[in-house]
Amino acid sequence: MAGMKEHYATFARYNAWANRRLYDAAAQLSDADYRADRGAFFKSMHGTLNHLLTADWVWMHRFTGEGPSPTRLDAIHHDTLPGLRAAREAEDRRIIGYIDSLTEQKLAGTISYRRVSTPEEFVQPLAPALAHFFNHQAHHRGQAHTILCSFGRRDLVLDLLFFQREAEAGRA
């Protein structure tokens, strides 16, 4: 069985792959549809994609002590999809680089951080925090997928198994 590092390296690459596919689909929406409140937690595709970047910045700052550390989870950092996509792609590269830099020993360590919404400090093992990090991304990508479906876009595939098959065939 693969070690934890390989497990998280797969998720980092899956995350970038899924984000590319999601942004490709979002780019097919009209600007009005892209910004329309569709009842998702962060309302629109625009709000949801901004939240995903925000949360990734928050967690990556917790993991590395570097990069942006937003103070609001609903912040809009980029008002245009191209600007948001460029920031997303840069963050996905940073995530892959961070995961690739980890050793099994570091994965067995802990992190300390404060939540965005409350002042208390938390200490937790890194590996479960990474599990949450990648699960959170999948959760909100699922909401973005639902937004796309509400506009009749049912062709987007984001399944991990699909990524794994593409990666194995050298197409991911």
C-alpha atoms as a PDB file:
ATOM      1  CA  MET A   1       0.000   0.000   0.000  1.00  0.00           C
ATOM      2  CA  ALA A   2       1.199   3.498  -0.799  1.00  0.00           C
ATOM      3  CA  GLY A   3       2.359   5.819   1.937  1.00  0.00           C
ATOM      4  CA  MET A   4       0.454   8.861   3.106  1.00  0.00           C
ATOM      5  CA  LYS A   5       2.602  11.193   1.023  1.00  0.00           C
ATOM      6  CA  GLU A   6       1.639   9.393  -2.184  1.00  0.00           C
ATOM      7  CA  HIS A   7      -1.995   9.483  -1.072  1.00  0.00           C
ATOM      8  CA  TYR A   8      -1.936  13.272  -0.632  1.00  0.00           C
ATOM      9  CA  ALA A   9       0.147  13.789  -3.788  1.00  0.00           C
ATOM     10  CA  THR A  10      -2.651  12.062  -5.712  1.00  0.00           C
ATOM     11  CA  PHE A  11      -5.222  14.360  -4.119  1.00  0.00           C
ATOM     12  CA  ALA A  12      -3.155  17.462  -4.903  1.00  0.00           C
ATOM     13  CA  ARG A  13      -2.966  16.500  -8.559  1.00  0.00           C
ATOM     14  CA  TYR A  14      -6.627  15.464  -8.645  1.00  0.00           C
ATOM     15  CA  ASN A  15      -7.529  18.835  -7.148  1.00  0.00           C
ATOM     16  CA  ALA A  16      -5.704  20.719  -9.922  1.00  0.00           C
ATOM     17  CA  TRP A  17      -7.232  18.461 -12.599  1.00  0.00           C
ATOM     18  CA  ALA A  18     -10.768  18.883 -11.228  1.00  0.00           C
ATOM     19  CA  ASN A  19     -10.320  22.649 -10.930  1.00  0.00           C
ATOM     20  CA  ARG A  20      -9.177  22.901 -14.561  1.00  0.00           C
ATOM     21  CA  ARG A  21     -12.268  20.993 -15.680  1.00  0.00           C
ATOM     22  CA  LEU A  22     -14.538  23.080 -13.443  1.00  0.00           C
ATOM     23  CA  TYR A  23     -13.111  26.368 -14.705  1.00  0.00           C
ATOM     24  CA  ASP A  24     -13.428  25.180 -18.305  1.00  0.00           C
ATOM     25  CA  ALA A  25     -17.124  24.493 -17.684  1.00  0.00           C
ATOM     26  CA  ALA A  26     -17.657  27.783 -15.804  1.00  0.00           C
ATOM     27  CA  ALA A  27     -16.130  29.668 -18.736  1.00  0.00           C
ATOM     28  CA  GLN A  28     -18.966  28.349 -20.923  1.00  0.00           C
ATOM     29  CA  LEU A  29     -21.566  30.189 -18.809  1.00  0.00           C
ATOM     30  CA  SER A  30     -22.729  33.659 -19.700  1.00  0.00           C
ATOM     31  CA  ASP A  31     -21.553  36.314 -17.250  1.00  0.00           C
ATOM     32  CA  ALA A  32     -25.130  36.641 -15.941  1.00  0.00           C
ATOM     33  CA  ASP A  33     -25.365  32.892 -15.297  1.00  0.00           C
ATOM     34  CA  TYR A  34     -21.873  32.825 -13.787  1.00  0.00           C
ATOM     35  CA  ARG A  35     -22.939  35.483 -11.252  1.00  0.00           C
ATOM     36  CA  ALA A  36     -26.535  34.311 -10.704  1.00  0.00           C
ATOM     37  CA  ASP A  37     -27.571  33.367  -7.174  1.00  0.00           C
ATOM     38  CA  ARG A  38     -28.449  29.673  -7.509  1.00  0.00           C
ATOM     39  CA  GLY A  39     -29.011  29.011  -3.815  1.00  0.00           C
ATOM     40  CA  ALA A  40     -25.593  27.479  -3.156  1.00  0.00           C
ATOM     41  CA  PHE A  41     -23.873  28.211   0.149  1.00  0.00           C
ATOM     42  CA  PHE A  42     -21.832  30.950  -1.517  1.00  0.00           C
ATOM     43  CA  LYS A  43     -24.759  31.756  -3.839  1.00  0.00           C
ATOM     44  CA  SER A  44     -23.269  31.778  -7.333  1.00  0.00           C
ATOM     45  CA  MET A  45     -20.573  30.075  -9.341  1.00  0.00           C
ATOM     46  CA  HIS A  46     -18.547  33.271  -8.851  1.00  0.00           C
ATOM     47  CA  GLY A  47     -19.004  33.185  -5.069  1.00  0.00           C
ATOM     48  CA  THR A  48     -18.291  29.461  -4.844  1.00  0.00           C
ATOM     49  CA  LEU A  49     -15.087  29.617  -6.896  1.00  0.00           C
ATOM     50  CA  ASN A  50     -13.873  32.609  -4.876  1.00  0.00           C
ATOM     51  CA  HIS A  51     -14.615  30.728  -1.639  1.00  0.00           C
ATOM     52  CA  LEU A  52     -12.622  27.721  -2.793  1.00  0.00           C
ATOM     53  CA  LEU A  53      -9.608  29.933  -3.418  1.00  0.00           C
ATOM     54  CA  THR A  54     -10.136  31.767  -0.117  1.00  0.00           C
ATOM     55  CA  ALA A  55     -10.296  28.551   1.897  1.00  0.00           C
ATOM     56  CA  ASP A  56      -7.242  27.146   0.137  1.00  0.00           C
ATOM     57  CA  TRP A  57      -5.304  30.307   0.970  1.00  0.00           C
ATOM     58  CA  VAL A  58      -6.395  30.047   4.614  1.00  0.00           C
ATOM     59  CA  TRP A  59      -5.349  26.409   4.898  1.00  0.00           C
ATOM     60  CA  MET A  60      -2.113  26.803   2.984  1.00  0.00           C
ATOM     61  CA  HIS A  61      -1.187  29.685   5.285  1.00  0.00           C
ATOM     62  CA  ARG A  62      -1.882  27.389   8.228  1.00  0.00           C
ATOM     63  CA  PHE A  63       0.263  24.641   6.717  1.00  0.00           C
ATOM     64  CA  THR A  64       3.171  26.802   5.537  1.00  0.00           C
ATOM     65  CA  GLY A  65       2.975  30.152   7.344  1.00  0.00           C
ATOM     66  CA  GLU A  66       3.151  31.790   3.899  1.00  0.00           C
ATOM     67  CA  GLY A  67       0.788  33.355   1.413  1.00  0.00           C
ATOM     68  CA  PRO A  68      -2.499  35.175   1.851  1.00  0.00           C
ATOM     69  CA  SER A  69      -4.542  34.661   4.992  1.00  0.00           C
ATOM     70  CA  PRO A  70      -8.038  36.059   4.317  1.00  0.00           C
ATOM     71  CA  THR A  71     -10.208  37.113   7.222  1.00  0.00           C
ATOM     72  CA  ARG A  72     -13.561  36.413   5.518  1.00  0.00           C
ATOM     73  CA  LEU A  73     -14.640  33.135   3.985  1.00  0.00           C
ATOM     74  CA  ASP A  74     -17.022  34.881   1.578  1.00  0.00           C
ATOM     75  CA  ALA A  75     -14.467  37.371   0.261  1.00  0.00           C
ATOM     76  CA  ILE A  76     -14.405  38.073  -3.462  1.00  0.00           C
ATOM     77  CA  HIS A  77     -10.721  38.276  -4.371  1.00  0.00           C
ATOM     78  CA  HIS A  78     -11.131  38.397  -8.132  1.00  0.00           C
ATOM     79  CA  ASP A  79     -14.099  39.929  -9.897  1.00  0.00           C
ATOM     80  CA  THR A  80     -13.409  38.277 -13.249  1.00  0.00           C
ATOM     81  CA  LEU A  81     -13.218  34.600 -14.081  1.00  0.00           C
ATOM     82  CA  PRO A  82      -9.882  34.949 -15.946  1.00  0.00           C
ATOM     83  CA  GLY A  83      -8.278  36.672 -12.935  1.00  0.00           C
ATOM     84  CA  LEU A  84      -9.725  34.102 -10.574  1.00  0.00           C
ATOM     85  CA  ARG A  85      -8.562  31.264 -12.809  1.00  0.00           C
ATOM     86  CA  ALA A  86      -4.992  32.587 -12.892  1.00  0.00           C
ATOM     87  CA  ALA A  87      -4.957  32.772  -9.075  1.00  0.00           C
ATOM     88  CA  ARG A  88      -6.512  29.295  -8.847  1.00  0.00           C
ATOM     89  CA  GLU A  89      -3.887  27.784 -11.143  1.00  0.00           C
ATOM     90  CA  ALA A  90      -1.081  29.427  -9.163  1.00  0.00           C
ATOM     91  CA  GLU A  91      -2.550  28.100  -5.917  1.00  0.00           C
ATOM     92  CA  ASP A  92      -2.933  24.611  -7.342  1.00  0.00           C
ATOM     93  CA  ARG A  93       0.758  24.643  -8.310  1.00  0.00           C
ATOM     94  CA  ARG A  94       1.608  25.833  -4.786  1.00  0.00           C
ATOM     95  CA  ILE A  95      -0.480  23.030  -3.247  1.00  0.00           C
ATOM     96  CA  ILE A  96       1.262  20.396  -5.384  1.00  0.00           C
ATOM     97  CA  GLY A  97       4.660  21.847  -4.488  1.00  0.00           C
ATOM     98  CA  TYR A  98       3.835  21.859  -0.787  1.00  0.00           C
ATOM     99  CA  ILE A  99       2.577  18.285  -0.784  1.00  0.00           C
ATOM    100  CA  ASP A 100       5.601  17.153  -2.810  1.00  0.00           C
ATOM    101  CA  SER A 101       7.878  18.779  -0.205  1.00  0.00           C
ATOM    102  CA  LEU A 102       6.401  16.792   2.681  1.00  0.00           C
ATOM    103  CA  THR A 103       8.080  13.773   4.189  1.00  0.00           C
ATOM    104  CA  GLU A 104       6.284  10.966   6.003  1.00  0.00           C
ATOM    105  CA  GLN A 105       7.793  12.425   9.203  1.00  0.00           C
ATOM    106  CA  LYS A 106       6.280  15.862   8.517  1.00  0.00           C
ATOM    107  CA  LEU A 107       2.945  14.223   7.695  1.00  0.00           C
ATOM    108  CA  ALA A 108       3.022  12.644  11.154  1.00  0.00           C
ATOM    109  CA  GLY A 109       3.485  16.093  12.749  1.00  0.00           C
ATOM    110  CA  THR A 110       0.998  18.690  13.949  1.00  0.00           C
ATOM    111  CA  ILE A 111      -0.063  22.201  13.007  1.00  0.00           C
ATOM    112  CA  SER A 112      -1.307  25.078  15.152  1.00  0.00           C
ATOM    113  CA  TYR A 113      -3.737  27.675  13.877  1.00  0.00           C
ATOM    114  CA  ARG A 114      -6.590  30.008  14.670  1.00  0.00           C
ATOM    115  CA  ARG A 115      -9.905  29.821  12.862  1.00  0.00           C
ATOM    116  CA  VAL A 116     -11.076  32.706  10.711  1.00  0.00           C
ATOM    117  CA  SER A 117     -14.267  33.064  12.789  1.00  0.00           C
ATOM    118  CA  THR A 118     -13.027  32.533  16.378  1.00  0.00           C
ATOM    119  CA  PRO A 119      -9.877  33.475  18.298  1.00  0.00           C
ATOM    120  CA  GLU A 120      -9.059  30.166  20.008  1.00  0.00           C
ATOM    121  CA  GLU A 121      -5.984  28.260  18.911  1.00  0.00           C
ATOM    122  CA  PHE A 122      -6.206  24.696  17.622  1.00  0.00           C
ATOM    123  CA  VAL A 123      -3.493  22.085  17.423  1.00  0.00           C
ATOM    124  CA  GLN A 124      -4.139  19.055  15.274  1.00  0.00           C
ATOM    125  CA  PRO A 125      -2.240  16.394  13.395  1.00  0.00           C
ATOM    126  CA  LEU A 126      -1.279  17.478   9.880  1.00  0.00           C
ATOM    127  CA  ALA A 127      -2.518  14.390   8.016  1.00  0.00           C
ATOM    128  CA  PRO A 128      -6.162  14.727   9.150  1.00  0.00           C
ATOM    129  CA  ALA A 129      -6.011  18.479   8.440  1.00  0.00           C
ATOM    130  CA  LEU A 130      -4.894  17.661   4.888  1.00  0.00           C
ATOM    131  CA  ALA A 131      -7.763  15.177   4.591  1.00  0.00           C
ATOM    132  CA  HIS A 132     -10.167  17.971   5.542  1.00  0.00           C
ATOM    133  CA  PHE A 133      -8.448  20.378   3.140  1.00  0.00           C
ATOM    134  CA  PHE A 134      -8.951  18.120   0.132  1.00  0.00           C
ATOM    135  CA  ASN A 135     -12.425  17.012   1.217  1.00  0.00           C
ATOM    136  CA  HIS A 136     -13.508  20.654   1.598  1.00  0.00           C
ATOM    137  CA  GLN A 137     -12.452  21.351  -1.980  1.00  0.00           C
ATOM    138  CA  ALA A 138     -14.460  18.364  -3.265  1.00  0.00           C
ATOM    139  CA  HIS A 139     -17.475  19.468  -1.212  1.00  0.00           C
ATOM    140  CA  HIS A 140     -17.622  22.935  -2.764  1.00  0.00           C
ATOM    141  CA  ARG A 141     -16.729  21.681  -6.239  1.00  0.00           C
ATOM    142  CA  GLY A 142     -19.832  19.506  -5.843  1.00  0.00           C
ATOM    143  CA  GLN A 143     -21.856  22.652  -5.161  1.00  0.00           C
ATOM    144  CA  ALA A 144     -20.337  24.291  -8.236  1.00  0.00           C
ATOM    145  CA  HIS A 145     -21.252  21.187 -10.230  1.00  0.00           C
ATOM    146  CA  THR A 146     -24.855  21.528  -9.044  1.00  0.00           C
ATOM    147  CA  ILE A 147     -24.865  25.157 -10.190  1.00  0.00           C
ATOM    148  CA  LEU A 148     -23.698  24.013 -13.631  1.00  0.00           C
ATOM    149  CA  CYS A 149     -26.413  21.342 -13.694  1.00  0.00           C
ATOM    150  CA  SER A 150     -29.020  23.994 -12.879  1.00  0.00           C
ATOM    151  CA  PHE A 151     -28.068  25.615 -16.190  1.00  0.00           C
ATOM    152  CA  GLY A 152     -28.351  22.310 -18.056  1.00  0.00           C
ATOM    153  CA  ARG A 153     -24.615  21.531 -18.004  1.00  0.00           C
ATOM    154  CA  ARG A 154     -24.628  17.853 -17.028  1.00  0.00           C
ATOM    155  CA  ASP A 155     -21.535  16.772 -18.958  1.00  0.00           C
ATOM    156  CA  LEU A 156     -18.848  17.646 -16.414  1.00  0.00           C
ATOM    157  CA  VAL A 157     -17.123  14.637 -14.838  1.00  0.00           C
ATOM    158  CA  LEU A 158     -15.122  15.279 -11.662  1.00  0.00           C
ATOM    159  CA  ASP A 159     -14.928  11.754 -10.257  1.00  0.00           C
ATOM    160  CA  LEU A 160     -11.641  10.763  -8.616  1.00  0.00           C
ATOM    161  CA  LEU A 161     -11.780   7.405 -10.411  1.00  0.00           C
ATOM    162  CA  PHE A 162     -11.961   9.188 -13.761  1.00  0.00           C
ATOM    163  CA  PHE A 163      -8.872  11.213 -12.799  1.00  0.00           C
ATOM    164  CA  GLN A 164      -7.051   8.061 -11.675  1.00  0.00           C
ATOM    165  CA  ARG A 165      -7.783   6.341 -14.986  1.00  0.00           C
ATOM    166  CA  GLU A 166      -6.609   9.394 -16.932  1.00  0.00           C
ATOM    167  CA  ALA A 167      -3.475   9.675 -14.783  1.00  0.00           C
ATOM    168  CA  GLU A 168      -2.681   5.997 -15.292  1.00  0.00           C
ATOM    169  CA  ALA A 169      -3.046   6.457 -19.048  1.00  0.00           C
ATOM    170  CA  GLY A 170      -0.845   9.597 -18.923  1.00  0.00           C
ATOM    171  CA  ARG A 171      -3.695  11.949 -19.881  1.00  0.00           C
ATOM    172  CA  ALA A 172      -4.313  13.782 -16.591  1.00  0.00           C
END
